[in-house]
Amino acid sequence: MGQPLAVVLFLGCGAKTAPALVPDAPTAPNPAAAPGAPAAPAATGAKRRRAVAKIATTSDGGVSGQATFVAQGGDQVEVALEVSGMTPGQRAWHIHQGTSCGRDKLADGGIGGPGTAAGPHWNPGKMAHGLPGTKMHHAGDFGNFTVDSSGKGSAKLTASGFTLEDTGETSALGHALIIHGGTDNGGGENGDAGPRVGCGIIEKQ
């Protein structure tokens, strides 16, 4: 009976073992890339400059209130006014050149009327007087607002031609805001707006 045939498998001594495959580490999902994911919030801009003018009566009247100023960028400023103690009707308000709400000293040694130390209208752009929305008007020409039967009035507008910067010819800071007892007719140098019944200095907030 023949001997069984032995089969021997020889491995070449020069053969190399194939490297083991290591799976890649899982990539963290990107929330921004997911469909419907909200966009990242935009960076907030610089804080808007603000100012306030606390309105007080210039004589024996009871006018009081406040005007707020909020820079909108460039030479745009949002202005809001709240006053009380006024006579009902259409009443004017303007920024004036002076830095005081008192009475002016006259050339003859006398004393001017209430609020005269505020001087003429502030006019950094060297424009003619006018009402808001017209091509020609002073930077602080805010026109008229309505005072109701209770003596309260308010107004809100976006003005242009001035800023709330700390310095500069077009900065309204330090100037007087005058509330008039009459109506601005849009003409002349000051609109014939009548007496200065309320005043406040525009101060950085």
N, C-alpha and C. Protein backbone atom coordinates (compact mmCIF):
# COMPACT_ATOMS: atom_id res chain seq x y z
N MET A 1 0.86 -1.19 0.00
CA MET A 1 0.00 0.00 0.00
C MET A 1 0.88 1.22 0.00
N GLY A 2 0.59 2.20 -0.89
CA GLY A 2 1.50 3.35 -1.02
C GLY A 2 1.40 4.32 0.15
N GLN A 3 2.49 5.10 0.33
CA GLN A 3 2.51 6.12 1.39
C GLN A 3 1.63 7.30 0.99
N PRO A 4 0.87 7.93 1.98
CA PRO A 4 0.04 9.11 1.66
C PRO A 4 0.90 10.29 1.23
N LEU A 5 0.38 11.03 0.28
CA LEU A 5 1.12 12.18 -0.25
C LEU A 5 0.90 13.38 0.66
N ALA A 6 1.97 13.85 1.17
CA ALA A 6 1.89 15.02 2.06
C ALA A 6 2.03 16.29 1.25
N VAL A 7 1.11 17.21 1.42
CA VAL A 7 1.14 18.50 0.71
C VAL A 7 1.57 19.57 1.70
N VAL A 8 2.67 20.20 1.41
CA VAL A 8 3.22 21.23 2.32
C VAL A 8 3.17 22.57 1.61
N LEU A 9 2.65 23.55 2.26
CA LEU A 9 2.56 24.91 1.70
C LEU A 9 3.70 25.73 2.24
N PHE A 10 4.53 26.22 1.37
CA PHE A 10 5.67 27.03 1.77
C PHE A 10 5.39 28.50 1.49
N LEU A 11 5.67 29.34 2.45
CA LEU A 11 5.57 30.79 2.27
C LEU A 11 6.95 31.33 2.00
N GLY A 12 7.00 32.18 1.00
CA GLY A 12 8.31 32.75 0.70
C GLY A 12 8.79 33.61 1.84
N CYS A 13 10.07 33.44 2.18
CA CYS A 13 10.59 34.21 3.30
C CYS A 13 10.65 35.69 2.99
N GLY A 14 10.55 36.03 1.71
CA GLY A 14 10.60 37.47 1.35
C GLY A 14 9.24 38.11 1.25
N ALA A 15 8.15 37.40 1.48
CA ALA A 15 6.80 37.97 1.36
C ALA A 15 6.50 38.97 2.46
N LYS A 16 5.76 40.03 2.13
CA LYS A 16 5.40 41.07 3.11
C LYS A 16 3.93 40.97 3.47
N THR A 17 3.66 41.18 4.76
CA THR A 17 2.27 41.15 5.21
C THR A 17 1.58 42.45 4.84
N ALA A 18 0.39 42.39 4.23
CA ALA A 18 -0.35 43.60 3.84
C ALA A 18 -0.76 44.40 5.07
N PRO A 19 -0.59 45.72 5.05
CA PRO A 19 -0.95 46.54 6.23
C PRO A 19 -2.45 46.49 6.48
N ALA A 20 -2.79 46.51 7.76
CA ALA A 20 -4.21 46.50 8.13
C ALA A 20 -4.84 47.84 7.78
N LEU A 21 -6.05 47.84 7.30
CA LEU A 21 -6.76 49.06 6.95
C LEU A 21 -7.42 49.65 8.19
N VAL A 22 -7.07 50.93 8.51
CA VAL A 22 -7.65 51.61 9.68
C VAL A 22 -8.69 52.60 9.18
N PRO A 23 -9.91 52.48 9.59
CA PRO A 23 -10.95 53.40 9.09
C PRO A 23 -10.68 54.83 9.53
N ASP A 24 -11.01 55.79 8.65
CA ASP A 24 -10.84 57.21 8.99
C ASP A 24 -11.73 57.59 10.16
N ALA A 25 -11.24 58.57 10.98
CA ALA A 25 -12.05 59.06 12.11
C ALA A 25 -13.28 59.77 11.57
N PRO A 26 -14.41 59.59 12.18
CA PRO A 26 -15.64 60.23 11.69
C PRO A 26 -15.53 61.75 11.75
N THR A 27 -16.02 62.42 10.72
CA THR A 27 -16.00 63.89 10.65
C THR A 27 -17.20 64.47 11.37
N ALA A 28 -16.94 65.43 12.25
CA ALA A 28 -18.04 66.05 13.00
C ALA A 28 -18.96 66.77 12.04
N PRO A 29 -20.25 66.63 12.19
CA PRO A 29 -21.18 67.31 11.27
C PRO A 29 -21.10 68.82 11.42
N ASN A 30 -21.28 69.54 10.33
CA ASN A 30 -21.27 71.00 10.32
C ASN A 30 -22.70 71.49 10.36
N PRO A 31 -23.14 72.06 11.49
CA PRO A 31 -24.54 72.49 11.59
C PRO A 31 -24.92 73.49 10.52
N ALA A 32 -23.95 74.33 10.14
CA ALA A 32 -24.28 75.37 9.15
C ALA A 32 -24.54 74.78 7.78
N ALA A 33 -23.97 73.55 7.54
CA ALA A 33 -24.13 72.95 6.23
C ALA A 33 -25.41 72.15 6.12
N ALA A 34 -26.05 71.88 7.25
CA ALA A 34 -27.27 71.09 7.23
C ALA A 34 -28.39 71.87 6.56
N PRO A 35 -29.18 71.18 5.74
CA PRO A 35 -30.30 71.88 5.07
C PRO A 35 -31.23 72.51 6.09
N GLY A 36 -31.58 73.75 5.83
CA GLY A 36 -32.52 74.43 6.71
C GLY A 36 -31.91 74.99 7.97
N ALA A 37 -30.58 74.85 8.14
CA ALA A 37 -29.95 75.36 9.35
C ALA A 37 -29.94 76.88 9.32
N PRO A 38 -30.19 77.55 10.46
CA PRO A 38 -30.19 79.02 10.48
C PRO A 38 -28.81 79.57 10.24
N ALA A 39 -28.73 80.71 9.58
CA ALA A 39 -27.44 81.34 9.31
C ALA A 39 -26.85 81.88 10.60
N ALA A 40 -25.53 81.92 10.64
CA ALA A 40 -24.86 82.46 11.82
C ALA A 40 -25.21 83.92 11.97
N PRO A 41 -25.43 84.40 13.19
CA PRO A 41 -25.81 85.80 13.38
C PRO A 41 -24.72 86.74 12.92
N ALA A 42 -25.13 87.84 12.31
CA ALA A 42 -24.16 88.84 11.85
C ALA A 42 -23.57 89.57 13.03
N ALA A 43 -22.34 90.00 12.86
CA ALA A 43 -21.68 90.73 13.94
C ALA A 43 -22.39 92.05 14.17
N THR A 44 -22.57 92.41 15.41
CA THR A 44 -23.26 93.65 15.72
C THR A 44 -22.33 94.83 15.49
N GLY A 45 -22.89 95.93 15.03
CA GLY A 45 -22.09 97.11 14.75
C GLY A 45 -21.81 97.90 16.02
N ALA A 46 -21.13 99.01 15.83
CA ALA A 46 -20.81 99.86 16.97
C ALA A 46 -22.10 100.41 17.59
N LYS A 47 -22.05 100.64 18.87
CA LYS A 47 -23.21 101.17 19.58
C LYS A 47 -23.56 102.54 19.03
N ARG A 48 -24.85 102.76 18.79
CA ARG A 48 -25.29 104.03 18.24
C ARG A 48 -25.12 105.15 19.25
N ARG A 49 -24.67 106.28 18.77
CA ARG A 49 -24.52 107.45 19.65
C ARG A 49 -25.88 108.02 19.99
N ARG A 50 -26.02 108.46 21.24
CA ARG A 50 -27.29 109.00 21.72
C ARG A 50 -27.04 110.31 22.46
N ALA A 51 -28.07 111.15 22.44
CA ALA A 51 -28.00 112.41 23.18
C ALA A 51 -29.41 112.75 23.66
N VAL A 52 -29.47 113.65 24.63
CA VAL A 52 -30.76 114.04 25.19
C VAL A 52 -30.74 115.53 25.51
N ALA A 53 -31.88 116.18 25.34
CA ALA A 53 -32.06 117.57 25.76
C ALA A 53 -33.25 117.61 26.71
N LYS A 54 -33.00 117.95 27.96
CA LYS A 54 -34.07 118.04 28.95
C LYS A 54 -34.69 119.43 28.87
N ILE A 55 -35.93 119.46 28.46
CA ILE A 55 -36.60 120.74 28.20
C ILE A 55 -37.18 121.32 29.49
N ALA A 56 -36.88 122.59 29.73
CA ALA A 56 -37.43 123.31 30.89
C ALA A 56 -37.96 124.66 30.40
N THR A 57 -38.87 125.22 31.15
CA THR A 57 -39.43 126.51 30.78
C THR A 57 -38.36 127.59 30.83
N THR A 58 -38.50 128.59 29.98
CA THR A 58 -37.54 129.69 29.97
C THR A 58 -37.99 130.88 30.81
N SER A 59 -39.23 130.82 31.30
CA SER A 59 -39.75 131.94 32.10
C SER A 59 -40.62 131.39 33.22
N ASP A 60 -41.81 131.93 33.37
CA ASP A 60 -42.69 131.49 34.45
C ASP A 60 -43.69 130.43 34.00
N GLY A 61 -43.58 129.98 32.77
CA GLY A 61 -44.51 128.98 32.26
C GLY A 61 -44.23 127.60 32.84
N GLY A 62 -45.02 126.64 32.40
CA GLY A 62 -44.86 125.29 32.94
C GLY A 62 -44.36 124.29 31.91
N VAL A 63 -43.66 124.77 30.88
CA VAL A 63 -43.19 123.88 29.82
C VAL A 63 -42.09 122.96 30.35
N SER A 64 -42.22 121.67 30.05
CA SER A 64 -41.20 120.69 30.43
C SER A 64 -41.26 119.52 29.46
N GLY A 65 -40.21 118.76 29.42
CA GLY A 65 -40.20 117.60 28.53
C GLY A 65 -38.79 117.15 28.23
N GLN A 66 -38.68 116.40 27.14
CA GLN A 66 -37.38 115.84 26.78
C GLN A 66 -37.35 115.52 25.29
N ALA A 67 -36.19 115.73 24.70
CA ALA A 67 -35.95 115.33 23.31
C ALA A 67 -34.79 114.35 23.30
N THR A 68 -34.94 113.27 22.55
CA THR A 68 -33.87 112.27 22.44
C THR A 68 -33.36 112.24 21.01
N PHE A 69 -32.07 111.99 20.89
CA PHE A 69 -31.40 111.95 19.59
C PHE A 69 -30.65 110.63 19.48
N VAL A 70 -30.84 109.91 18.37
CA VAL A 70 -30.16 108.63 18.14
C VAL A 70 -29.55 108.65 16.75
N ALA A 71 -28.23 108.54 16.66
CA ALA A 71 -27.54 108.54 15.37
C ALA A 71 -27.91 107.29 14.58
N GLN A 72 -28.18 107.47 13.29
CA GLN A 72 -28.56 106.36 12.42
C GLN A 72 -27.46 106.02 11.41
N GLY A 73 -26.36 106.72 11.47
CA GLY A 73 -25.29 106.51 10.51
C GLY A 73 -25.17 107.68 9.57
N GLY A 74 -23.93 108.00 9.18
CA GLY A 74 -23.71 109.16 8.33
C GLY A 74 -24.14 110.42 9.04
N ASP A 75 -24.95 111.24 8.37
CA ASP A 75 -25.46 112.46 9.01
C ASP A 75 -26.95 112.35 9.29
N GLN A 76 -27.43 111.13 9.49
CA GLN A 76 -28.84 110.89 9.79
C GLN A 76 -29.03 110.71 11.30
N VAL A 77 -29.98 111.43 11.87
CA VAL A 77 -30.25 111.35 13.31
C VAL A 77 -31.75 111.27 13.53
N GLU A 78 -32.18 110.29 14.31
CA GLU A 78 -33.60 110.19 14.67
C GLU A 78 -33.84 111.06 15.91
N VAL A 79 -34.83 111.92 15.83
CA VAL A 79 -35.13 112.85 16.92
C VAL A 79 -36.57 112.65 17.37
N ALA A 80 -36.76 112.51 18.68
CA ALA A 80 -38.11 112.34 19.24
C ALA A 80 -38.32 113.34 20.36
N LEU A 81 -39.50 113.96 20.40
CA LEU A 81 -39.80 115.00 21.38
C LEU A 81 -41.08 114.67 22.14
N GLU A 82 -41.05 114.92 23.45
CA GLU A 82 -42.24 114.82 24.30
C GLU A 82 -42.24 116.05 25.21
N VAL A 83 -43.30 116.85 25.15
CA VAL A 83 -43.39 118.04 26.01
C VAL A 83 -44.79 118.17 26.59
N SER A 84 -44.88 118.95 27.65
CA SER A 84 -46.17 119.25 28.28
C SER A 84 -46.14 120.68 28.79
N GLY A 85 -47.33 121.16 29.21
CA GLY A 85 -47.42 122.52 29.73
C GLY A 85 -47.45 123.59 28.67
N MET A 86 -47.83 123.23 27.44
CA MET A 86 -47.82 124.17 26.33
C MET A 86 -49.23 124.63 25.96
N THR A 87 -49.30 125.70 25.21
CA THR A 87 -50.57 126.18 24.67
C THR A 87 -50.92 125.35 23.44
N PRO A 88 -52.16 124.86 23.34
CA PRO A 88 -52.54 124.03 22.19
C PRO A 88 -52.32 124.72 20.84
N GLY A 89 -51.99 123.92 19.84
CA GLY A 89 -51.78 124.45 18.50
C GLY A 89 -50.54 123.85 17.86
N GLN A 90 -50.14 124.42 16.74
CA GLN A 90 -48.92 124.01 16.04
C GLN A 90 -47.75 124.82 16.58
N ARG A 91 -46.76 124.12 17.10
CA ARG A 91 -45.63 124.79 17.75
C ARG A 91 -44.31 124.37 17.10
N ALA A 92 -43.39 125.31 16.99
CA ALA A 92 -42.12 125.07 16.31
C ALA A 92 -41.02 124.65 17.27
N TRP A 93 -40.02 123.96 16.71
CA TRP A 93 -38.83 123.60 17.49
C TRP A 93 -37.62 123.55 16.57
N HIS A 94 -36.52 124.09 17.09
CA HIS A 94 -35.30 124.20 16.29
C HIS A 94 -34.07 124.02 17.19
N ILE A 95 -32.96 123.62 16.57
CA ILE A 95 -31.66 123.69 17.25
C ILE A 95 -31.11 125.09 17.02
N HIS A 96 -30.64 125.72 18.10
CA HIS A 96 -30.07 127.06 17.99
C HIS A 96 -28.56 127.02 18.20
N GLN A 97 -27.93 128.08 17.78
CA GLN A 97 -26.47 128.14 17.76
C GLN A 97 -25.84 128.19 19.15
N GLY A 98 -26.50 128.85 20.08
CA GLY A 98 -25.91 129.05 21.40
C GLY A 98 -25.85 127.80 22.26
N THR A 99 -25.19 127.95 23.39
CA THR A 99 -24.99 126.85 24.32
C THR A 99 -25.62 127.14 25.68
N SER A 100 -26.53 128.11 25.72
CA SER A 100 -27.18 128.49 26.97
C SER A 100 -28.66 128.71 26.73
N CYS A 101 -29.46 128.50 27.77
CA CYS A 101 -30.90 128.72 27.69
C CYS A 101 -31.33 130.00 28.40
N GLY A 102 -30.36 130.79 28.83
CA GLY A 102 -30.66 131.98 29.61
C GLY A 102 -31.04 133.18 28.76
N ARG A 103 -30.92 134.35 29.36
CA ARG A 103 -31.23 135.61 28.67
C ARG A 103 -29.93 136.24 28.18
N ASP A 104 -29.98 136.76 26.99
CA ASP A 104 -28.80 137.35 26.38
C ASP A 104 -28.55 138.76 26.92
N LYS A 105 -27.29 139.15 26.96
CA LYS A 105 -26.93 140.51 27.34
C LYS A 105 -26.92 141.37 26.08
N LEU A 106 -27.67 142.42 26.10
CA LEU A 106 -27.80 143.28 24.93
C LEU A 106 -26.66 144.29 24.85
N ALA A 107 -26.46 144.83 23.66
CA ALA A 107 -25.37 145.78 23.44
C ALA A 107 -25.54 147.04 24.29
N ASP A 108 -26.79 147.41 24.58
CA ASP A 108 -27.03 148.62 25.37
C ASP A 108 -26.96 148.37 26.86
N GLY A 109 -26.57 147.14 27.24
CA GLY A 109 -26.45 146.81 28.65
C GLY A 109 -27.68 146.15 29.22
N GLY A 110 -28.74 146.09 28.45
CA GLY A 110 -29.97 145.46 28.93
C GLY A 110 -29.92 143.94 28.82
N ILE A 111 -31.03 143.33 29.19
CA ILE A 111 -31.15 141.88 29.16
C ILE A 111 -32.23 141.49 28.16
N GLY A 112 -31.93 140.51 27.33
CA GLY A 112 -32.87 140.05 26.33
C GLY A 112 -33.99 139.21 26.93
N GLY A 113 -34.88 138.76 26.08
CA GLY A 113 -36.01 137.96 26.52
C GLY A 113 -35.61 136.53 26.87
N PRO A 114 -36.57 135.74 27.36
CA PRO A 114 -36.30 134.35 27.74
C PRO A 114 -35.72 133.54 26.58
N GLY A 115 -34.64 132.83 26.88
CA GLY A 115 -34.04 131.95 25.89
C GLY A 115 -33.20 132.63 24.83
N THR A 116 -33.03 133.95 24.92
CA THR A 116 -32.30 134.66 23.86
C THR A 116 -30.81 134.33 23.84
N ALA A 117 -30.26 133.81 24.93
CA ALA A 117 -28.85 133.44 24.95
C ALA A 117 -28.57 132.26 24.01
N ALA A 118 -29.63 131.58 23.58
CA ALA A 118 -29.46 130.47 22.64
C ALA A 118 -29.08 130.97 21.25
N GLY A 119 -29.22 132.27 21.01
CA GLY A 119 -28.80 132.84 19.74
C GLY A 119 -29.69 132.46 18.57
N PRO A 120 -29.20 132.68 17.35
CA PRO A 120 -29.98 132.36 16.16
C PRO A 120 -30.00 130.86 15.88
N HIS A 121 -30.68 130.49 14.81
CA HIS A 121 -30.70 129.08 14.42
C HIS A 121 -29.30 128.57 14.13
N TRP A 122 -29.05 127.33 14.53
CA TRP A 122 -27.78 126.67 14.21
C TRP A 122 -27.82 126.30 12.73
N ASN A 123 -26.77 126.66 12.00
CA ASN A 123 -26.80 126.49 10.55
C ASN A 123 -25.42 126.09 10.02
N PRO A 124 -24.93 124.89 10.38
CA PRO A 124 -23.59 124.49 9.95
C PRO A 124 -23.45 124.34 8.44
N GLY A 125 -24.55 124.07 7.74
CA GLY A 125 -24.49 123.88 6.30
C GLY A 125 -24.64 125.16 5.50
N LYS A 126 -24.79 126.29 6.20
CA LYS A 126 -24.95 127.60 5.53
C LYS A 126 -26.11 127.58 4.53
N MET A 127 -27.24 127.06 4.99
CA MET A 127 -28.44 126.97 4.15
C MET A 127 -29.45 128.03 4.55
N ALA A 128 -30.45 128.24 3.70
CA ALA A 128 -31.56 129.13 4.04
C ALA A 128 -32.52 128.39 4.97
N HIS A 129 -33.29 129.14 5.75
CA HIS A 129 -34.27 128.51 6.63
C HIS A 129 -35.39 127.87 5.82
N GLY A 130 -35.93 126.78 6.36
CA GLY A 130 -37.04 126.12 5.69
C GLY A 130 -37.64 125.05 6.58
N LEU A 131 -38.64 124.37 6.08
CA LEU A 131 -39.28 123.29 6.83
C LEU A 131 -38.66 121.95 6.45
N PRO A 132 -38.75 120.95 7.32
CA PRO A 132 -38.21 119.62 6.99
C PRO A 132 -38.81 119.10 5.69
N GLY A 133 -37.99 118.44 4.91
CA GLY A 133 -38.47 117.89 3.65
C GLY A 133 -38.27 118.81 2.46
N THR A 134 -37.97 120.08 2.73
CA THR A 134 -37.68 121.01 1.64
C THR A 134 -36.19 120.96 1.32
N LYS A 135 -35.84 121.39 0.13
CA LYS A 135 -34.45 121.32 -0.31
C LYS A 135 -33.55 122.20 0.54
N MET A 136 -34.04 123.37 0.92
CA MET A 136 -33.25 124.31 1.70
C MET A 136 -33.81 124.41 3.11
N HIS A 137 -33.00 124.04 4.09
CA HIS A 137 -33.38 124.23 5.49
C HIS A 137 -32.15 124.05 6.37
N HIS A 138 -32.18 124.67 7.53
CA HIS A 138 -31.09 124.51 8.48
C HIS A 138 -31.08 123.07 9.01
N ALA A 139 -29.91 122.62 9.45
CA ALA A 139 -29.80 121.26 9.97
C ALA A 139 -30.75 121.01 11.13
N GLY A 140 -31.00 122.05 11.93
CA GLY A 140 -31.88 121.90 13.09
C GLY A 140 -33.27 122.45 12.90
N ASP A 141 -33.70 122.63 11.66
CA ASP A 141 -35.07 123.06 11.38
C ASP A 141 -36.00 121.85 11.45
N PHE A 142 -36.68 121.68 12.57
CA PHE A 142 -37.53 120.50 12.76
C PHE A 142 -39.00 120.77 12.48
N GLY A 143 -39.32 122.00 12.06
CA GLY A 143 -40.71 122.29 11.69
C GLY A 143 -41.63 122.47 12.89
N ASN A 144 -42.84 121.92 12.79
CA ASN A 144 -43.87 122.09 13.81
C ASN A 144 -44.37 120.75 14.33
N PHE A 145 -44.90 120.78 15.53
CA PHE A 145 -45.56 119.61 16.12
C PHE A 145 -46.88 120.07 16.72
N THR A 146 -47.77 119.13 16.95
CA THR A 146 -49.11 119.47 17.45
C THR A 146 -49.18 119.34 18.96
N VAL A 147 -49.69 120.38 19.61
CA VAL A 147 -49.96 120.35 21.05
C VAL A 147 -51.47 120.21 21.22
N ASP A 148 -51.89 119.19 21.97
CA ASP A 148 -53.32 118.94 22.13
C ASP A 148 -53.94 119.82 23.22
N SER A 149 -55.21 119.59 23.47
CA SER A 149 -55.95 120.43 24.42
C SER A 149 -55.45 120.30 25.85
N SER A 150 -54.73 119.22 26.14
CA SER A 150 -54.18 119.04 27.49
C SER A 150 -52.81 119.70 27.64
N GLY A 151 -52.31 120.30 26.57
CA GLY A 151 -51.01 120.96 26.63
C GLY A 151 -49.84 120.05 26.34
N LYS A 152 -50.13 118.82 25.89
CA LYS A 152 -49.06 117.86 25.59
C LYS A 152 -48.83 117.76 24.09
N GLY A 153 -47.57 117.60 23.73
CA GLY A 153 -47.22 117.46 22.32
C GLY A 153 -46.08 116.49 22.14
N SER A 154 -45.99 115.92 20.95
CA SER A 154 -44.91 114.99 20.64
C SER A 154 -44.59 115.05 19.16
N ALA A 155 -43.39 114.63 18.83
CA ALA A 155 -42.97 114.60 17.43
C ALA A 155 -41.84 113.59 17.30
N LYS A 156 -41.71 113.04 16.08
CA LYS A 156 -40.61 112.12 15.79
C LYS A 156 -40.26 112.25 14.32
N LEU A 157 -38.98 112.41 14.05
CA LEU A 157 -38.54 112.55 12.66
C LEU A 157 -37.09 112.10 12.53
N THR A 158 -36.67 111.87 11.30
CA THR A 158 -35.27 111.59 11.00
C THR A 158 -34.71 112.80 10.29
N ALA A 159 -33.77 113.46 10.95
CA ALA A 159 -33.16 114.67 10.41
C ALA A 159 -31.82 114.34 9.77
N SER A 160 -31.31 115.26 8.97
CA SER A 160 -30.01 115.06 8.33
C SER A 160 -29.22 116.36 8.39
N GLY A 161 -27.93 116.24 8.11
CA GLY A 161 -27.08 117.43 8.09
C GLY A 161 -26.31 117.67 9.36
N PHE A 162 -26.45 116.78 10.34
CA PHE A 162 -25.66 116.93 11.57
C PHE A 162 -25.40 115.56 12.19
N THR A 163 -24.50 115.53 13.17
CA THR A 163 -24.11 114.29 13.83
C THR A 163 -24.17 114.47 15.35
N LEU A 164 -23.84 113.38 16.04
CA LEU A 164 -23.72 113.41 17.51
C LEU A 164 -22.29 113.09 17.92
N GLU A 165 -21.34 113.38 17.04
CA GLU A 165 -19.94 113.14 17.34
C GLU A 165 -19.48 114.07 18.47
N ASP A 166 -18.38 113.69 19.11
CA ASP A 166 -17.89 114.48 20.24
C ASP A 166 -17.40 115.86 19.80
N THR A 167 -16.88 115.95 18.60
CA THR A 167 -16.36 117.22 18.10
C THR A 167 -16.78 117.41 16.65
N GLY A 168 -16.52 118.60 16.14
CA GLY A 168 -16.79 118.87 14.73
C GLY A 168 -17.87 119.93 14.55
N GLU A 169 -17.79 120.66 13.44
CA GLU A 169 -18.72 121.74 13.17
C GLU A 169 -20.16 121.25 12.99
N THR A 170 -20.33 120.00 12.60
CA THR A 170 -21.68 119.48 12.37
C THR A 170 -22.22 118.69 13.56
N SER A 171 -21.51 118.70 14.68
CA SER A 171 -22.01 118.02 15.88
C SER A 171 -23.01 118.90 16.61
N ALA A 172 -24.17 118.33 16.93
CA ALA A 172 -25.21 119.09 17.64
C ALA A 172 -24.97 119.15 19.14
N LEU A 173 -24.01 118.38 19.64
CA LEU A 173 -23.78 118.35 21.08
C LEU A 173 -23.41 119.74 21.61
N GLY A 174 -24.03 120.11 22.72
CA GLY A 174 -23.74 121.39 23.35
C GLY A 174 -24.62 122.53 22.89
N HIS A 175 -25.36 122.34 21.81
CA HIS A 175 -26.24 123.40 21.32
C HIS A 175 -27.60 123.36 22.01
N ALA A 176 -28.30 124.47 21.95
CA ALA A 176 -29.61 124.59 22.61
C ALA A 176 -30.74 124.17 21.67
N LEU A 177 -31.67 123.40 22.21
CA LEU A 177 -32.89 123.06 21.49
C LEU A 177 -34.00 123.96 22.03
N ILE A 178 -34.58 124.76 21.16
CA ILE A 178 -35.61 125.73 21.57
C ILE A 178 -36.99 125.25 21.15
N ILE A 179 -37.93 125.34 22.09
CA ILE A 179 -39.35 125.09 21.82
C ILE A 179 -40.03 126.45 21.76
N HIS A 180 -40.71 126.72 20.65
CA HIS A 180 -41.32 128.04 20.44
C HIS A 180 -42.80 128.04 20.79
N GLY A 181 -43.30 129.22 21.09
CA GLY A 181 -44.71 129.38 21.40
C GLY A 181 -45.57 129.64 20.19
N GLY A 182 -44.96 129.74 19.01
CA GLY A 182 -45.69 129.99 17.79
C GLY A 182 -45.42 128.93 16.74
N THR A 183 -45.88 129.20 15.52
CA THR A 183 -45.77 128.26 14.41
C THR A 183 -44.70 128.71 13.42
N ASP A 184 -43.89 127.78 12.95
CA ASP A 184 -42.88 128.06 11.94
C ASP A 184 -43.57 128.11 10.57
N ASN A 185 -43.49 129.27 9.91
CA ASN A 185 -44.14 129.40 8.60
C ASN A 185 -43.21 129.06 7.44
N GLY A 186 -41.99 128.64 7.77
CA GLY A 186 -41.05 128.22 6.74
C GLY A 186 -40.31 129.34 6.05
N GLY A 187 -40.59 130.59 6.40
CA GLY A 187 -39.96 131.71 5.72
C GLY A 187 -38.98 132.47 6.59
N GLY A 188 -38.37 133.49 6.00
CA GLY A 188 -37.45 134.34 6.75
C GLY A 188 -36.24 133.58 7.27
N GLU A 189 -35.63 134.14 8.31
CA GLU A 189 -34.45 133.52 8.90
C GLU A 189 -34.80 132.51 9.98
N ASN A 190 -36.03 132.63 10.52
CA ASN A 190 -36.38 131.75 11.64
C ASN A 190 -37.83 131.28 11.61
N GLY A 191 -38.56 131.59 10.55
CA GLY A 191 -39.93 131.13 10.44
C GLY A 191 -40.94 131.89 11.27
N ASP A 192 -40.50 133.01 11.87
CA ASP A 192 -41.41 133.81 12.71
C ASP A 192 -42.14 132.93 13.72
N ALA A 193 -41.37 132.09 14.40
CA ALA A 193 -41.96 131.06 15.27
C ALA A 193 -42.37 131.55 16.65
N GLY A 194 -42.18 132.82 16.94
CA GLY A 194 -42.66 133.33 18.21
C GLY A 194 -41.70 133.16 19.38
N PRO A 195 -42.20 133.38 20.59
CA PRO A 195 -41.35 133.37 21.79
C PRO A 195 -40.71 132.01 22.06
N ARG A 196 -39.63 132.05 22.80
CA ARG A 196 -38.90 130.84 23.17
C ARG A 196 -39.39 130.39 24.54
N VAL A 197 -40.32 129.46 24.55
CA VAL A 197 -40.99 129.09 25.80
C VAL A 197 -40.34 127.91 26.52
N GLY A 198 -39.52 127.14 25.80
CA GLY A 198 -38.84 126.00 26.42
C GLY A 198 -37.47 125.83 25.81
N CYS A 199 -36.55 125.26 26.58
CA CYS A 199 -35.18 125.12 26.09
C CYS A 199 -34.47 123.98 26.82
N GLY A 200 -33.56 123.33 26.11
CA GLY A 200 -32.71 122.31 26.72
C GLY A 200 -31.42 122.20 25.94
N ILE A 201 -30.33 121.90 26.61
CA ILE A 201 -29.03 121.74 25.95
C ILE A 201 -28.85 120.28 25.54
N ILE A 202 -28.43 120.06 24.31
CA ILE A 202 -28.24 118.70 23.79
C ILE A 202 -26.95 118.12 24.37
N GLU A 203 -27.09 117.08 25.15
CA GLU A 203 -25.94 116.48 25.83
C GLU A 203 -25.81 115.00 25.50
N LYS A 204 -24.57 114.56 25.40
CA LYS A 204 -24.28 113.15 25.10
C LYS A 204 -24.84 112.25 26.20
N GLN A 205 -25.44 111.16 25.80
CA GLN A 205 -26.06 110.24 26.77
C GLN A 205 -25.18 109.01 26.96
